[in-house]
PDB file of N, CA and C in Angstrom:
ATOM      1  N   UNK A   1       0.846  -1.189   0.000  1.00  0.00           N
ATOM      2  CA  UNK A   1       0.000   0.000   0.000  1.00  0.00           C
ATOM      3  C   UNK A   1       0.885   1.243   0.000  1.00  0.00           C
ATOM      4  N   UNK A   2       0.536   2.201  -0.837  1.00  0.00           N
ATOM      5  CA  UNK A   2       1.316   3.438  -0.936  1.00  0.00           C
ATOM      6  C   UNK A   2       1.055   4.327   0.281  1.00  0.00           C
ATOM      7  N   UNK A   3       2.061   5.101   0.640  1.00  0.00           N
ATOM      8  CA  UNK A   3       1.920   6.052   1.746  1.00  0.00           C
ATOM      9  C   UNK A   3       0.928   7.133   1.338  1.00  0.00           C
ATOM     10  N   UNK A   4       0.160   7.666   2.297  1.00  0.00           N
ATOM     11  CA  UNK A   4      -0.800   8.720   1.951  1.00  0.00           C
ATOM     12  C   UNK A   4      -0.100   9.985   1.471  1.00  0.00           C
ATOM     13  N   UNK A   5      -0.771  10.703   0.610  1.00  0.00           N
ATOM     14  CA  UNK A   5      -0.223  11.951   0.077  1.00  0.00           C
ATOM     15  C   UNK A   5      -1.358  12.962  -0.069  1.00  0.00           C
ATOM     16  N   UNK A   6      -1.004  14.239   0.068  1.00  0.00           N
ATOM     17  CA  UNK A   6      -1.961  15.328  -0.087  1.00  0.00           C
ATOM     18  C   UNK A   6      -1.371  16.343  -1.052  1.00  0.00           C
ATOM     19  N   UNK A   7      -2.197  16.848  -1.964  1.00  0.00           N
ATOM     20  CA  UNK A   7      -1.799  17.930  -2.857  1.00  0.00           C
ATOM     21  C   UNK A   7      -2.636  19.145  -2.478  1.00  0.00           C
ATOM     22  N   UNK A   8      -1.956  20.247  -2.169  1.00  0.00           N
ATOM     23  CA  UNK A   8      -2.623  21.501  -1.830  1.00  0.00           C
ATOM     24  C   UNK A   8      -2.435  22.443  -3.011  1.00  0.00           C
ATOM     25  N   UNK A   9      -3.533  22.861  -3.614  1.00  0.00           N
ATOM     26  CA  UNK A   9      -3.469  23.785  -4.751  1.00  0.00           C
ATOM     27  C   UNK A   9      -3.556  25.197  -4.200  1.00  0.00           C
ATOM     28  N   UNK A  10      -2.488  25.948  -4.397  1.00  0.00           N
ATOM     29  CA  UNK A  10      -2.355  27.295  -3.857  1.00  0.00           C
ATOM     30  C   UNK A  10      -1.261  27.280  -2.807  1.00  0.00           C
ATOM     31  N   UNK A  11      -0.171  27.947  -3.088  1.00  0.00           N
ATOM     32  CA  UNK A  11       0.973  27.942  -2.181  1.00  0.00           C
ATOM     33  C   UNK A  11       1.109  29.263  -1.430  1.00  0.00           C
ATOM     34  N   UNK A  12       0.013  30.011  -1.352  1.00  0.00           N
ATOM     35  CA  UNK A  12       0.011  31.246  -0.572  1.00  0.00           C
ATOM     36  C   UNK A  12      -0.199  30.929   0.899  1.00  0.00           C
ATOM     37  N   UNK A  13      -0.622  31.916   1.645  1.00  0.00           N
ATOM     38  CA  UNK A  13      -0.749  31.756   3.091  1.00  0.00           C
ATOM     39  C   UNK A  13      -1.720  30.629   3.451  1.00  0.00           C
ATOM     40  N   UNK A  14      -2.854  30.544   2.798  1.00  0.00           N
ATOM     41  CA  UNK A  14      -3.828  29.499   3.124  1.00  0.00           C
ATOM     42  C   UNK A  14      -3.264  28.107   2.856  1.00  0.00           C
ATOM     43  N   UNK A  15      -2.558  27.941   1.745  1.00  0.00           N
ATOM     44  CA  UNK A  15      -1.964  26.642   1.428  1.00  0.00           C
ATOM     45  C   UNK A  15      -0.905  26.233   2.427  1.00  0.00           C
ATOM     46  N   UNK A  16      -0.057  27.178   2.799  1.00  0.00           N
ATOM     47  CA  UNK A  16       1.002  26.892   3.764  1.00  0.00           C
ATOM     48  C   UNK A  16       0.395  26.575   5.135  1.00  0.00           C
ATOM     49  N   UNK A  17      -0.631  27.312   5.523  1.00  0.00           N
ATOM     50  CA  UNK A  17      -1.305  27.041   6.805  1.00  0.00           C
ATOM     51  C   UNK A  17      -1.968  25.661   6.790  1.00  0.00           C
ATOM     52  N   UNK A  18      -2.514  25.267   5.650  1.00  0.00           N
ATOM     53  CA  UNK A  18      -3.117  23.943   5.531  1.00  0.00           C
ATOM     54  C   UNK A  18      -2.066  22.859   5.725  1.00  0.00           C
ATOM     55  N   UNK A  19      -0.921  23.010   5.069  1.00  0.00           N
ATOM     56  CA  UNK A  19       0.154  22.034   5.228  1.00  0.00           C
ATOM     57  C   UNK A  19       0.644  21.983   6.672  1.00  0.00           C
ATOM     58  N   UNK A  20       0.786  23.144   7.305  1.00  0.00           N
ATOM     59  CA  UNK A  20       1.234  23.188   8.703  1.00  0.00           C
ATOM     60  C   UNK A  20       0.210  22.523   9.623  1.00  0.00           C
ATOM     61  N   UNK A  21      -1.079  22.733   9.345  1.00  0.00           N
ATOM     62  CA  UNK A  21      -2.122  22.107  10.170  1.00  0.00           C
ATOM     63  C   UNK A  21      -2.086  20.587  10.016  1.00  0.00           C
ATOM     64  N   UNK A  22      -1.870  20.103   8.797  1.00  0.00           N
ATOM     65  CA  UNK A  22      -1.760  18.662   8.596  1.00  0.00           C
ATOM     66  C   UNK A  22      -0.612  18.080   9.421  1.00  0.00           C
ATOM     67  N   UNK A  23       0.541  18.729   9.364  1.00  0.00           N
ATOM     68  CA  UNK A  23       1.687  18.255  10.146  1.00  0.00           C
ATOM     69  C   UNK A  23       1.398  18.342  11.647  1.00  0.00           C
ATOM     70  N   UNK A  24       0.747  19.414  12.041  1.00  0.00           N
ATOM     71  CA  UNK A  24       0.412  19.594  13.450  1.00  0.00           C
ATOM     72  C   UNK A  24      -0.537  18.528  13.975  1.00  0.00           C
ATOM     73  N   UNK A  25      -1.323  17.940  13.082  1.00  0.00           N
ATOM     74  CA  UNK A  25      -2.261  16.886  13.469  1.00  0.00           C
ATOM     75  C   UNK A  25      -1.673  15.495  13.270  1.00  0.00           C
ATOM     76  N   UNK A  26      -0.360  15.448  12.971  1.00  0.00           N
ATOM     77  CA  UNK A  26       0.321  14.162  12.892  1.00  0.00           C
ATOM     78  C   UNK A  26       0.404  13.523  11.522  1.00  0.00           C
ATOM     79  N   UNK A  27       0.011  14.226  10.462  1.00  0.00           N
ATOM     80  CA  UNK A  27       0.113  13.662   9.114  1.00  0.00           C
ATOM     81  C   UNK A  27       1.582  13.526   8.741  1.00  0.00           C
ATOM     82  N   UNK A  28       2.004  12.324   8.375  1.00  0.00           N
ATOM     83  CA  UNK A  28       3.416  12.096   8.048  1.00  0.00           C
ATOM     84  C   UNK A  28       3.648  11.785   6.576  1.00  0.00           C
ATOM     85  N   UNK A  29       2.590  11.803   5.771  1.00  0.00           N
ATOM     86  CA  UNK A  29       2.729  11.524   4.344  1.00  0.00           C
ATOM     87  C   UNK A  29       3.301  12.706   3.582  1.00  0.00           C
ATOM     88  N   UNK A  30       3.349  12.538   2.279  1.00  0.00           N
ATOM     89  CA  UNK A  30       3.883  13.579   1.406  1.00  0.00           C
ATOM     90  C   UNK A  30       2.865  14.699   1.255  1.00  0.00           C
ATOM     91  N   UNK A  31       3.332  15.939   1.348  1.00  0.00           N
ATOM     92  CA  UNK A  31       2.495  17.110   1.098  1.00  0.00           C
ATOM     93  C   UNK A  31       3.130  17.889  -0.046  1.00  0.00           C
ATOM     94  N   UNK A  32       2.361  18.117  -1.099  1.00  0.00           N
ATOM     95  CA  UNK A  32       2.842  18.858  -2.256  1.00  0.00           C
ATOM     96  C   UNK A  32       2.034  20.143  -2.380  1.00  0.00           C
ATOM     97  N   UNK A  33       2.718  21.279  -2.417  1.00  0.00           N
ATOM     98  CA  UNK A  33       2.070  22.568  -2.633  1.00  0.00           C
ATOM     99  C   UNK A  33       2.259  22.954  -4.097  1.00  0.00           C
ATOM    100  N   UNK A  34       1.166  23.317  -4.751  1.00  0.00           N
ATOM    101  CA  UNK A  34       1.236  23.734  -6.151  1.00  0.00           C
ATOM    102  C   UNK A  34       0.724  25.161  -6.246  1.00  0.00           C
ATOM    103  N   UNK A  35       1.530  26.041  -6.826  1.00  0.00           N
ATOM    104  CA  UNK A  35       1.109  27.424  -6.993  1.00  0.00           C
ATOM    105  C   UNK A  35       2.138  28.201  -7.784  1.00  0.00           C
ATOM    106  N   UNK A  36       1.743  29.382  -8.209  1.00  0.00           N
ATOM    107  CA  UNK A  36       2.674  30.226  -8.959  1.00  0.00           C
ATOM    108  C   UNK A  36       3.013  31.493  -8.185  1.00  0.00           C
ATOM    109  N   UNK A  37       2.823  31.432  -6.871  1.00  0.00           N
ATOM    110  CA  UNK A  37       3.152  32.566  -6.026  1.00  0.00           C
ATOM    111  C   UNK A  37       4.668  32.766  -5.984  1.00  0.00           C
ATOM    112  N   UNK A  38       5.111  33.989  -5.742  1.00  0.00           N
ATOM    113  CA  UNK A  38       6.556  34.215  -5.613  1.00  0.00           C
ATOM    114  C   UNK A  38       7.092  33.490  -4.375  1.00  0.00           C
ATOM    115  N   UNK A  39       8.397  33.261  -4.308  1.00  0.00           N
ATOM    116  CA  UNK A  39       8.969  32.571  -3.148  1.00  0.00           C
ATOM    117  C   UNK A  39       8.560  33.241  -1.840  1.00  0.00           C
ATOM    118  N   UNK A  40       8.277  32.418  -0.862  1.00  0.00           N
ATOM    119  CA  UNK A  40       7.896  32.844   0.494  1.00  0.00           C
ATOM    120  C   UNK A  40       6.624  33.663   0.517  1.00  0.00           C
ATOM    121  N   UNK A  41       5.762  33.441  -0.460  1.00  0.00           N
ATOM    122  CA  UNK A  41       4.472  34.144  -0.462  1.00  0.00           C
ATOM    123  C   UNK A  41       3.597  33.693   0.707  1.00  0.00           C
ATOM    124  N   UNK A  42       3.888  32.532   1.254  1.00  0.00           N
ATOM    125  CA  UNK A  42       3.089  32.020   2.360  1.00  0.00           C
ATOM    126  C   UNK A  42       3.325  32.733   3.662  1.00  0.00           C
ATOM    127  N   UNK A  43       4.412  33.484   3.772  1.00  0.00           N
ATOM    128  CA  UNK A  43       4.673  34.196   5.029  1.00  0.00           C
ATOM    129  C   UNK A  43       4.362  35.661   4.843  1.00  0.00           C
ATOM    130  N   UNK A  44       3.404  36.117   5.595  1.00  0.00           N
ATOM    131  CA  UNK A  44       3.078  37.538   5.601  1.00  0.00           C
ATOM    132  C   UNK A  44       2.837  37.925   7.054  1.00  0.00           C
ATOM    133  N   UNK A  45       3.238  39.091   7.444  1.00  0.00           N
ATOM    134  CA  UNK A  45       2.986  39.502   8.844  1.00  0.00           C
ATOM    135  C   UNK A  45       1.480  39.647   9.083  1.00  0.00           C
ATOM    136  N   UNK A  46       1.057  39.463  10.323  1.00  0.00           N
ATOM    137  CA  UNK A  46      -0.376  39.619  10.622  1.00  0.00           C
ATOM    138  C   UNK A  46      -0.877  41.015  10.240  1.00  0.00           C
ATOM    139  N   UNK A  47      -2.118  41.089   9.800  1.00  0.00           N
ATOM    140  CA  UNK A  47      -2.686  42.351   9.406  1.00  0.00           C
ATOM    141  C   UNK A  47      -3.171  43.179  10.603  1.00  0.00           C
ATOM    142  N   UNK A  48      -3.546  42.493  11.653  1.00  0.00           N
ATOM    143  CA  UNK A  48      -4.005  43.218  12.847  1.00  0.00           C
ATOM    144  C   UNK A  48      -2.860  43.362  13.841  1.00  0.00           C
ATOM    145  N   UNK A  49      -2.948  44.356  14.654  1.00  0.00           N
ATOM    146  CA  UNK A  49      -1.897  44.599  15.645  1.00  0.00           C
ATOM    147  C   UNK A  49      -2.234  43.838  16.922  1.00  0.00           C
ATOM    148  N   UNK A  50      -1.210  43.295  17.565  1.00  0.00           N
ATOM    149  CA  UNK A  50      -1.374  42.500  18.783  1.00  0.00           C
ATOM    150  C   UNK A  50      -1.646  43.371  19.933  1.00  0.00           C
TER     151      UNK A  50
END
C-alpha cells in the first residue's frame, strides 16, 4: 500500500497554513504545494496589531 499523500493547490498563506495544520495533526505523508506565487508568499505579517 502506498503512503498517503496530499496535494494543496495554492501555495500562498492558506496553502502553507493547511500544510502546517496537517503536520500539526500528525500527518506524516507527502504534502505537495502547487502554486505560482513568488517565493515565500506564504509568510506575511499579521494584518491586525497585537
